[in-house]
Amino acid sequence: MAPAGVEGIDESTVRALVKLEQVLPDRLRRRVSALNTYTVLMIGAPGHAAIDPRVLTELAHACRDRERVRFEYRDHGGGVSRRTTEPYRLVCSRARCYLVAWDLDRADWRTFRADRITPKPPHGPPSNTVSRPPRTWPSTWSRGVSVTAYAHRDTVLLRVPVERAAERISPSAGVLEAVDDHSCLLHTAAHALDVLVLHIVLAGFDFEVREPAELREHIRGIRDRLDRALP
């Protein structure tokens, strides 16, 4: 498994690393193994956020050794904050890599984009506060990667069973929630409303916008333009 967007690592390099791991001395093998063992792959669209491999390795070691990690974090608005966390896993889509960790100051599970993390050692002692994530960790990670990381968020009702929707919508693209045997909710987000509309329509299912109201108005505007394009 290869985290995408890592500076200096392409597919051929990853294949070589996998072969190399089998013959490395124990000390070096543990460094490579930590990145493989504590990284979860989620399928998504290609992206361009390059990540320093030294940062990924440092975070993977903290996940493995259950050490607290201190870092500066730059949010989507450019603001910088200091965080003290107990890392659990790295989650990688084809677009980006994220750190899932317990935020000690906020007393909650949080998801951080790895390319926005600047480690600030020395780090803390071994973590004893949180031994495992909640049972809902798959949806927690998916929500952090596909919803909370973006400015425009929506909830739509898809008129298909959740199992069928999951065949077209990956965890890195949105969070699905069953309503009944014939419908489910999709929670997703994007940087722009046009991208949201495209994402929902291309899923190929009948849907109803639940929120926000501005998304409904945006879709009405698109519908009117399409009507004028087809006299």
C-alpha atoms as a PDB file:
ATOM      1  CA  MET A   1       0.000   0.000   0.000  1.00  0.00           C
ATOM      2  CA  ALA A   2       1.342   3.377  -0.971  1.00  0.00           C
ATOM      3  CA  PRO A   3       0.220   6.702   0.462  1.00  0.00           C
ATOM      4  CA  ALA A   4      -0.554   8.994  -2.457  1.00  0.00           C
ATOM      5  CA  GLY A   5       0.890  12.453  -2.866  1.00  0.00           C
ATOM      6  CA  VAL A   6       4.110  11.684  -1.020  1.00  0.00           C
ATOM      7  CA  GLU A   7       7.036  13.707  -2.345  1.00  0.00           C
ATOM      8  CA  GLY A   8       9.495  11.584  -4.291  1.00  0.00           C
ATOM      9  CA  ILE A   9       7.421   8.392  -4.231  1.00  0.00           C
ATOM     10  CA  ASP A  10       5.814   6.982  -7.373  1.00  0.00           C
ATOM     11  CA  GLU A  11       4.408   3.524  -8.112  1.00  0.00           C
ATOM     12  CA  SER A  12       7.738   2.017  -9.183  1.00  0.00           C
ATOM     13  CA  THR A  13       9.404   3.361  -6.049  1.00  0.00           C
ATOM     14  CA  VAL A  14       6.729   1.797  -3.863  1.00  0.00           C
ATOM     15  CA  ARG A  15       7.199  -1.607  -5.513  1.00  0.00           C
ATOM     16  CA  ALA A  16      10.917  -1.369  -4.836  1.00  0.00           C
ATOM     17  CA  LEU A  17      10.293  -0.430  -1.205  1.00  0.00           C
ATOM     18  CA  VAL A  18       8.025  -3.433  -0.707  1.00  0.00           C
ATOM     19  CA  LYS A  19      10.749  -5.753  -2.014  1.00  0.00           C
ATOM     20  CA  LEU A  20      13.411  -3.951  -0.018  1.00  0.00           C
ATOM     21  CA  GLU A  21      11.471  -4.313   3.231  1.00  0.00           C
ATOM     22  CA  GLN A  22      11.901  -8.082   3.027  1.00  0.00           C
ATOM     23  CA  VAL A  23      15.697  -7.871   3.237  1.00  0.00           C
ATOM     24  CA  LEU A  24      16.227  -4.816   5.443  1.00  0.00           C
ATOM     25  CA  PRO A  25      17.887  -5.075   8.880  1.00  0.00           C
ATOM     26  CA  ASP A  26      15.394  -5.155  11.759  1.00  0.00           C
ATOM     27  CA  ARG A  27      15.839  -1.490  12.725  1.00  0.00           C
ATOM     28  CA  LEU A  28      15.153  -0.206   9.191  1.00  0.00           C
ATOM     29  CA  ARG A  29      12.439  -2.763   8.518  1.00  0.00           C
ATOM     30  CA  ARG A  30      10.491  -1.434  11.527  1.00  0.00           C
ATOM     31  CA  ARG A  31      10.578   2.084  10.053  1.00  0.00           C
ATOM     32  CA  VAL A  32       9.117   0.938   6.711  1.00  0.00           C
ATOM     33  CA  SER A  33       6.691  -1.470   8.381  1.00  0.00           C
ATOM     34  CA  ALA A  34       5.246   1.253  10.620  1.00  0.00           C
ATOM     35  CA  LEU A  35       4.139   3.276   7.606  1.00  0.00           C
ATOM     36  CA  ASN A  36       2.454   0.231   6.032  1.00  0.00           C
ATOM     37  CA  THR A  37       0.814  -1.053   9.215  1.00  0.00           C
ATOM     38  CA  TYR A  38      -0.607   2.223  10.511  1.00  0.00           C
ATOM     39  CA  THR A  39      -1.861   3.633   7.212  1.00  0.00           C
ATOM     40  CA  VAL A  40      -5.401   2.966   5.997  1.00  0.00           C
ATOM     41  CA  LEU A  41      -6.149   3.323   2.267  1.00  0.00           C
ATOM     42  CA  MET A  42      -9.375   4.973   1.135  1.00  0.00           C
ATOM     43  CA  ILE A  43     -10.143   5.240  -2.583  1.00  0.00           C
ATOM     44  CA  GLY A  44     -10.723   8.712  -3.975  1.00  0.00           C
ATOM     45  CA  ALA A  45      -9.870  11.088  -6.774  1.00  0.00           C
ATOM     46  CA  PRO A  46      -6.289  12.008  -7.673  1.00  0.00           C
ATOM     47  CA  GLY A  47      -4.904  15.099  -5.989  1.00  0.00           C
ATOM     48  CA  HIS A  48      -1.813  17.257  -5.831  1.00  0.00           C
ATOM     49  CA  ALA A  49      -1.072  17.812  -2.118  1.00  0.00           C
ATOM     50  CA  ALA A  50       2.565  16.760  -1.704  1.00  0.00           C
ATOM     51  CA  ILE A  51       3.572  15.428   1.711  1.00  0.00           C
ATOM     52  CA  ASP A  52       7.041  15.277   3.204  1.00  0.00           C
ATOM     53  CA  PRO A  53       7.737  11.523   3.678  1.00  0.00           C
ATOM     54  CA  ARG A  54       9.630  12.338   6.883  1.00  0.00           C
ATOM     55  CA  VAL A  55       6.418  13.747   8.375  1.00  0.00           C
ATOM     56  CA  LEU A  56       4.452  10.632   7.417  1.00  0.00           C
ATOM     57  CA  THR A  57       7.124   8.380   8.898  1.00  0.00           C
ATOM     58  CA  GLU A  58       7.192  10.379  12.140  1.00  0.00           C
ATOM     59  CA  LEU A  59       3.406  10.196  12.457  1.00  0.00           C
ATOM     60  CA  ALA A  60       3.371   6.473  11.677  1.00  0.00           C
ATOM     61  CA  HIS A  61       5.958   5.855  14.395  1.00  0.00           C
ATOM     62  CA  ALA A  62       3.802   7.771  16.876  1.00  0.00           C
ATOM     63  CA  CYS A  63       0.787   5.628  15.933  1.00  0.00           C
ATOM     64  CA  ARG A  64       2.825   2.471  16.392  1.00  0.00           C
ATOM     65  CA  ASP A  65       4.450   3.510  19.676  1.00  0.00           C
ATOM     66  CA  ARG A  66       1.315   5.273  20.997  1.00  0.00           C
ATOM     67  CA  GLU A  67       3.245   8.483  21.647  1.00  0.00           C
ATOM     68  CA  ARG A  68       1.761  11.927  21.996  1.00  0.00           C
ATOM     69  CA  VAL A  69       2.694  14.264  19.155  1.00  0.00           C
ATOM     70  CA  ARG A  70       2.924  18.051  19.197  1.00  0.00           C
ATOM     71  CA  PHE A  71       2.584  19.948  15.931  1.00  0.00           C
ATOM     72  CA  GLU A  72       1.541  23.195  14.294  1.00  0.00           C
ATOM     73  CA  TYR A  73      -1.539  22.837  12.109  1.00  0.00           C
ATOM     74  CA  ARG A  74      -2.530  25.153   9.270  1.00  0.00           C
ATOM     75  CA  ASP A  75      -6.278  25.162   8.582  1.00  0.00           C
ATOM     76  CA  HIS A  76      -7.966  25.805   5.199  1.00  0.00           C
ATOM     77  CA  GLY A  77      -8.119  29.519   5.989  1.00  0.00           C
ATOM     78  CA  GLY A  78      -4.385  29.764   6.641  1.00  0.00           C
ATOM     79  CA  GLY A  79      -4.668  30.057  10.425  1.00  0.00           C
ATOM     80  CA  VAL A  80      -2.064  28.205  12.482  1.00  0.00           C
ATOM     81  CA  SER A  81      -2.716  26.503  15.826  1.00  0.00           C
ATOM     82  CA  ARG A  82      -0.655  24.340  18.169  1.00  0.00           C
ATOM     83  CA  ARG A  83      -2.005  20.838  18.792  1.00  0.00           C
ATOM     84  CA  THR A  84      -1.134  18.055  21.205  1.00  0.00           C
ATOM     85  CA  THR A  85      -2.582  14.750  20.015  1.00  0.00           C
ATOM     86  CA  GLU A  86      -2.562  11.020  20.527  1.00  0.00           C
ATOM     87  CA  PRO A  87      -2.253   9.633  16.964  1.00  0.00           C
ATOM     88  CA  TYR A  88      -4.148   6.504  16.008  1.00  0.00           C
ATOM     89  CA  ARG A  89      -3.953   6.006  12.232  1.00  0.00           C
ATOM     90  CA  LEU A  90      -2.975   7.648   8.966  1.00  0.00           C
ATOM     91  CA  VAL A  91      -5.831   7.547   6.451  1.00  0.00           C
ATOM     92  CA  CYS A  92      -4.878   8.014   2.787  1.00  0.00           C
ATOM     93  CA  SER A  93      -7.037   8.543  -0.266  1.00  0.00           C
ATOM     94  CA  ARG A  94      -5.619   9.084  -3.729  1.00  0.00           C
ATOM     95  CA  ALA A  95      -5.968  12.786  -3.084  1.00  0.00           C
ATOM     96  CA  ARG A  96      -4.532  13.307   0.403  1.00  0.00           C
ATOM     97  CA  CYS A  97      -3.314  11.720   3.622  1.00  0.00           C
ATOM     98  CA  TYR A  98      -4.877  12.489   6.999  1.00  0.00           C
ATOM     99  CA  LEU A  99      -3.937  11.861  10.612  1.00  0.00           C
ATOM    100  CA  VAL A 100      -6.754  10.580  12.826  1.00  0.00           C
ATOM    101  CA  ALA A 101      -5.948  11.405  16.435  1.00  0.00           C
ATOM    102  CA  TRP A 102      -7.361  12.249  19.835  1.00  0.00           C
ATOM    103  CA  ASP A 103      -6.989  16.006  20.349  1.00  0.00           C
ATOM    104  CA  LEU A 104      -6.089  16.476  24.016  1.00  0.00           C
ATOM    105  CA  ASP A 105      -6.991  20.166  24.188  1.00  0.00           C
ATOM    106  CA  ARG A 106     -10.404  19.647  22.574  1.00  0.00           C
ATOM    107  CA  ALA A 107     -11.083  16.222  24.146  1.00  0.00           C
ATOM    108  CA  ASP A 108     -12.370  14.809  20.875  1.00  0.00           C
ATOM    109  CA  TRP A 109     -11.369  12.760  17.832  1.00  0.00           C
ATOM    110  CA  ARG A 110     -10.091  14.981  15.031  1.00  0.00           C
ATOM    111  CA  THR A 111      -8.838  14.507  11.470  1.00  0.00           C
ATOM    112  CA  PHE A 112      -5.823  16.532  10.272  1.00  0.00           C
ATOM    113  CA  ARG A 113      -4.476  16.853   6.733  1.00  0.00           C
ATOM    114  CA  ALA A 114      -0.926  15.527   6.823  1.00  0.00           C
ATOM    115  CA  ASP A 115       0.378  18.138   4.381  1.00  0.00           C
ATOM    116  CA  ARG A 116      -0.707  20.868   6.841  1.00  0.00           C
ATOM    117  CA  ILE A 117       1.126  19.340   9.816  1.00  0.00           C
ATOM    118  CA  THR A 118       4.501  20.632  10.987  1.00  0.00           C
ATOM    119  CA  PRO A 119       5.799  18.434  13.838  1.00  0.00           C
ATOM    120  CA  LYS A 120       7.189  20.344  16.817  1.00  0.00           C
ATOM    121  CA  PRO A 121       9.270  17.951  18.927  1.00  0.00           C
ATOM    122  CA  PRO A 122      10.015  17.043  21.606  1.00  0.00           C
ATOM    123  CA  HIS A 123       6.845  15.000  21.654  1.00  0.00           C
ATOM    124  CA  GLY A 124       5.051  13.723  24.714  1.00  0.00           C
ATOM    125  CA  PRO A 125       5.253  10.472  26.672  1.00  0.00           C
ATOM    126  CA  PRO A 126       3.442   7.292  25.607  1.00  0.00           C
ATOM    127  CA  SER A 127      -0.298   7.764  25.322  1.00  0.00           C
ATOM    128  CA  ASN A 128      -2.450   6.286  28.063  1.00  0.00           C
ATOM    129  CA  THR A 129      -5.634   8.322  27.740  1.00  0.00           C
ATOM    130  CA  VAL A 130      -7.115   6.692  24.644  1.00  0.00           C
ATOM    131  CA  SER A 131      -6.522   3.019  23.954  1.00  0.00           C
ATOM    132  CA  ARG A 132      -8.818   2.688  20.945  1.00  0.00           C
ATOM    133  CA  PRO A 133     -11.162   4.803  18.827  1.00  0.00           C
ATOM    134  CA  PRO A 134     -14.960   4.574  19.180  1.00  0.00           C
ATOM    135  CA  ARG A 135     -16.822   1.793  17.396  1.00  0.00           C
ATOM    136  CA  THR A 136     -17.988   4.352  14.858  1.00  0.00           C
ATOM    137  CA  TRP A 137     -14.399   5.082  13.754  1.00  0.00           C
ATOM    138  CA  PRO A 138     -14.997   4.272  10.036  1.00  0.00           C
ATOM    139  CA  SER A 139     -17.696   6.954   9.752  1.00  0.00           C
ATOM    140  CA  THR A 140     -15.654   9.326  11.954  1.00  0.00           C
ATOM    141  CA  TRP A 141     -12.676   9.064   9.599  1.00  0.00           C
ATOM    142  CA  SER A 142     -14.830   9.233   6.506  1.00  0.00           C
ATOM    143  CA  ARG A 143     -16.599  12.363   7.771  1.00  0.00           C
ATOM    144  CA  GLY A 144     -13.291  14.048   8.541  1.00  0.00           C
ATOM    145  CA  VAL A 145     -11.902  13.275   5.082  1.00  0.00           C
ATOM    146  CA  SER A 146     -14.978  13.928   2.948  1.00  0.00           C
ATOM    147  CA  VAL A 147     -17.055  16.489   4.869  1.00  0.00           C
ATOM    148  CA  THR A 148     -15.431  18.599   7.577  1.00  0.00           C
ATOM    149  CA  ALA A 149     -12.366  19.381   5.473  1.00  0.00           C
ATOM    150  CA  TYR A 150     -14.419  21.483   3.015  1.00  0.00           C
ATOM    151  CA  ALA A 151     -16.243  24.809   3.152  1.00  0.00           C
ATOM    152  CA  HIS A 152     -19.539  23.827   1.457  1.00  0.00           C
ATOM    153  CA  ARG A 153     -21.378  20.896   3.077  1.00  0.00           C
ATOM    154  CA  ASP A 154     -24.673  19.266   2.275  1.00  0.00           C
ATOM    155  CA  THR A 155     -27.045  16.470   3.161  1.00  0.00           C
ATOM    156  CA  VAL A 156     -29.144  14.850   0.440  1.00  0.00           C
ATOM    157  CA  LEU A 157     -31.623  11.994   0.504  1.00  0.00           C
ATOM    158  CA  LEU A 158     -30.745   9.327  -2.076  1.00  0.00           C
ATOM    159  CA  ARG A 159     -33.678   7.209  -3.194  1.00  0.00           C
ATOM    160  CA  VAL A 160     -31.732   3.942  -3.199  1.00  0.00           C
ATOM    161  CA  PRO A 161     -30.736   1.448  -0.472  1.00  0.00           C
ATOM    162  CA  VAL A 162     -27.519   2.345   1.323  1.00  0.00           C
ATOM    163  CA  GLU A 163     -25.826  -0.820   0.004  1.00  0.00           C
ATOM    164  CA  ARG A 164     -26.442   0.224  -3.589  1.00  0.00           C
ATOM    165  CA  ALA A 165     -25.274   3.787  -2.915  1.00  0.00           C
ATOM    166  CA  ALA A 166     -22.051   2.433  -1.385  1.00  0.00           C
ATOM    167  CA  GLU A 167     -21.239   0.756  -4.703  1.00  0.00           C
ATOM    168  CA  ARG A 168     -20.916   4.206  -6.328  1.00  0.00           C
ATOM    169  CA  ILE A 169     -19.881   6.465  -3.425  1.00  0.00           C
ATOM    170  CA  SER A 170     -16.608   5.691  -1.643  1.00  0.00           C
ATOM    171  CA  PRO A 171     -15.887   6.583   2.022  1.00  0.00           C
ATOM    172  CA  SER A 172     -13.533   9.314   0.833  1.00  0.00           C
ATOM    173  CA  ALA A 173     -16.370  10.937  -1.167  1.00  0.00           C
ATOM    174  CA  GLY A 174     -19.059  11.070   1.509  1.00  0.00           C
ATOM    175  CA  VAL A 175     -20.727   9.509   4.533  1.00  0.00           C
ATOM    176  CA  LEU A 176     -23.771   7.315   3.906  1.00  0.00           C
ATOM    177  CA  GLU A 177     -26.487   6.789   6.508  1.00  0.00           C
ATOM    178  CA  ALA A 178     -29.333   4.304   6.034  1.00  0.00           C
ATOM    179  CA  VAL A 179     -32.880   5.683   6.383  1.00  0.00           C
ATOM    180  CA  ASP A 180     -34.961   2.665   5.394  1.00  0.00           C
ATOM    181  CA  ASP A 181     -34.838  -0.221   2.910  1.00  0.00           C
ATOM    182  CA  HIS A 182     -35.291   2.151  -0.024  1.00  0.00           C
ATOM    183  CA  SER A 183     -33.342   5.317   0.821  1.00  0.00           C
ATOM    184  CA  CYS A 184     -30.295   6.734   2.580  1.00  0.00           C
ATOM    185  CA  LEU A 185     -28.697  10.051   3.470  1.00  0.00           C
ATOM    186  CA  LEU A 186     -25.482  11.266   1.873  1.00  0.00           C
ATOM    187  CA  HIS A 187     -23.365  13.755   3.820  1.00  0.00           C
ATOM    188  CA  THR A 188     -20.673  15.253   1.629  1.00  0.00           C
ATOM    189  CA  ALA A 189     -18.834  18.496   0.930  1.00  0.00           C
ATOM    190  CA  ALA A 190     -16.706  20.387  -1.593  1.00  0.00           C
ATOM    191  CA  HIS A 191     -14.857  23.645  -2.105  1.00  0.00           C
ATOM    192  CA  ALA A 192     -17.620  25.002  -4.365  1.00  0.00           C
ATOM    193  CA  LEU A 193     -21.356  24.463  -4.868  1.00  0.00           C
ATOM    194  CA  ASP A 194     -20.860  23.578  -8.547  1.00  0.00           C
ATOM    195  CA  VAL A 195     -18.594  20.714  -7.505  1.00  0.00           C
ATOM    196  CA  LEU A 196     -21.216  19.510  -5.013  1.00  0.00           C
ATOM    197  CA  VAL A 197     -23.926  19.463  -7.664  1.00  0.00           C
ATOM    198  CA  LEU A 198     -21.706  17.600 -10.120  1.00  0.00           C
ATOM    199  CA  HIS A 199     -20.738  15.058  -7.467  1.00  0.00           C
ATOM    200  CA  ILE A 200     -24.361  14.357  -6.502  1.00  0.00           C
ATOM    201  CA  VAL A 201     -25.708  14.190 -10.054  1.00  0.00           C
ATOM    202  CA  LEU A 202     -22.937  11.914 -11.328  1.00  0.00           C
ATOM    203  CA  ALA A 203     -23.713   9.400  -8.577  1.00  0.00           C
ATOM    204  CA  GLY A 204     -26.650   8.496 -10.814  1.00  0.00           C
ATOM    205  CA  PHE A 205     -29.449   8.340  -8.225  1.00  0.00           C
ATOM    206  CA  ASP A 206     -32.663  10.291  -7.696  1.00  0.00           C
ATOM    207  CA  PHE A 207     -32.168  12.622  -4.767  1.00  0.00           C
ATOM    208  CA  GLU A 208     -33.698  15.327  -2.602  1.00  0.00           C
ATOM    209  CA  VAL A 209     -31.663  18.130  -1.066  1.00  0.00           C
ATOM    210  CA  ARG A 210     -32.170  18.334   2.693  1.00  0.00           C
ATOM    211  CA  GLU A 211     -29.661  21.108   3.425  1.00  0.00           C
ATOM    212  CA  PRO A 212     -28.417  23.758   2.904  1.00  0.00           C
ATOM    213  CA  ALA A 213     -31.069  25.955   1.296  1.00  0.00           C
ATOM    214  CA  GLU A 214     -28.433  27.683  -0.852  1.00  0.00           C
ATOM    215  CA  LEU A 215     -27.715  24.356  -2.574  1.00  0.00           C
ATOM    216  CA  ARG A 216     -31.382  24.060  -3.576  1.00  0.00           C
ATOM    217  CA  GLU A 217     -31.272  27.571  -5.027  1.00  0.00           C
ATOM    218  CA  HIS A 218     -28.035  26.797  -6.838  1.00  0.00           C
ATOM    219  CA  ILE A 219     -29.584  23.698  -8.434  1.00  0.00           C
ATOM    220  CA  ARG A 220     -32.636  25.725  -9.523  1.00  0.00           C
ATOM    221  CA  GLY A 221     -30.297  28.163 -11.260  1.00  0.00           C
ATOM    222  CA  ILE A 222     -28.551  25.304 -13.073  1.00  0.00           C
ATOM    223  CA  ARG A 223     -31.920  23.807 -14.045  1.00  0.00           C
ATOM    224  CA  ASP A 224     -33.037  27.126 -15.549  1.00  0.00           C
ATOM    225  CA  ARG A 225     -29.828  27.429 -17.583  1.00  0.00           C
ATOM    226  CA  LEU A 226     -30.269  23.873 -18.847  1.00  0.00           C
ATOM    227  CA  ASP A 227     -33.899  24.623 -19.809  1.00  0.00           C
ATOM    228  CA  ARG A 228     -32.741  27.624 -21.832  1.00  0.00           C
ATOM    229  CA  ALA A 229     -30.118  25.481 -23.536  1.00  0.00           C
ATOM    230  CA  LEU A 230     -32.795  23.044 -24.776  1.00  0.00           C
ATOM    231  CA  PRO A 231     -35.504  25.090 -26.544  1.00  0.00           C
END
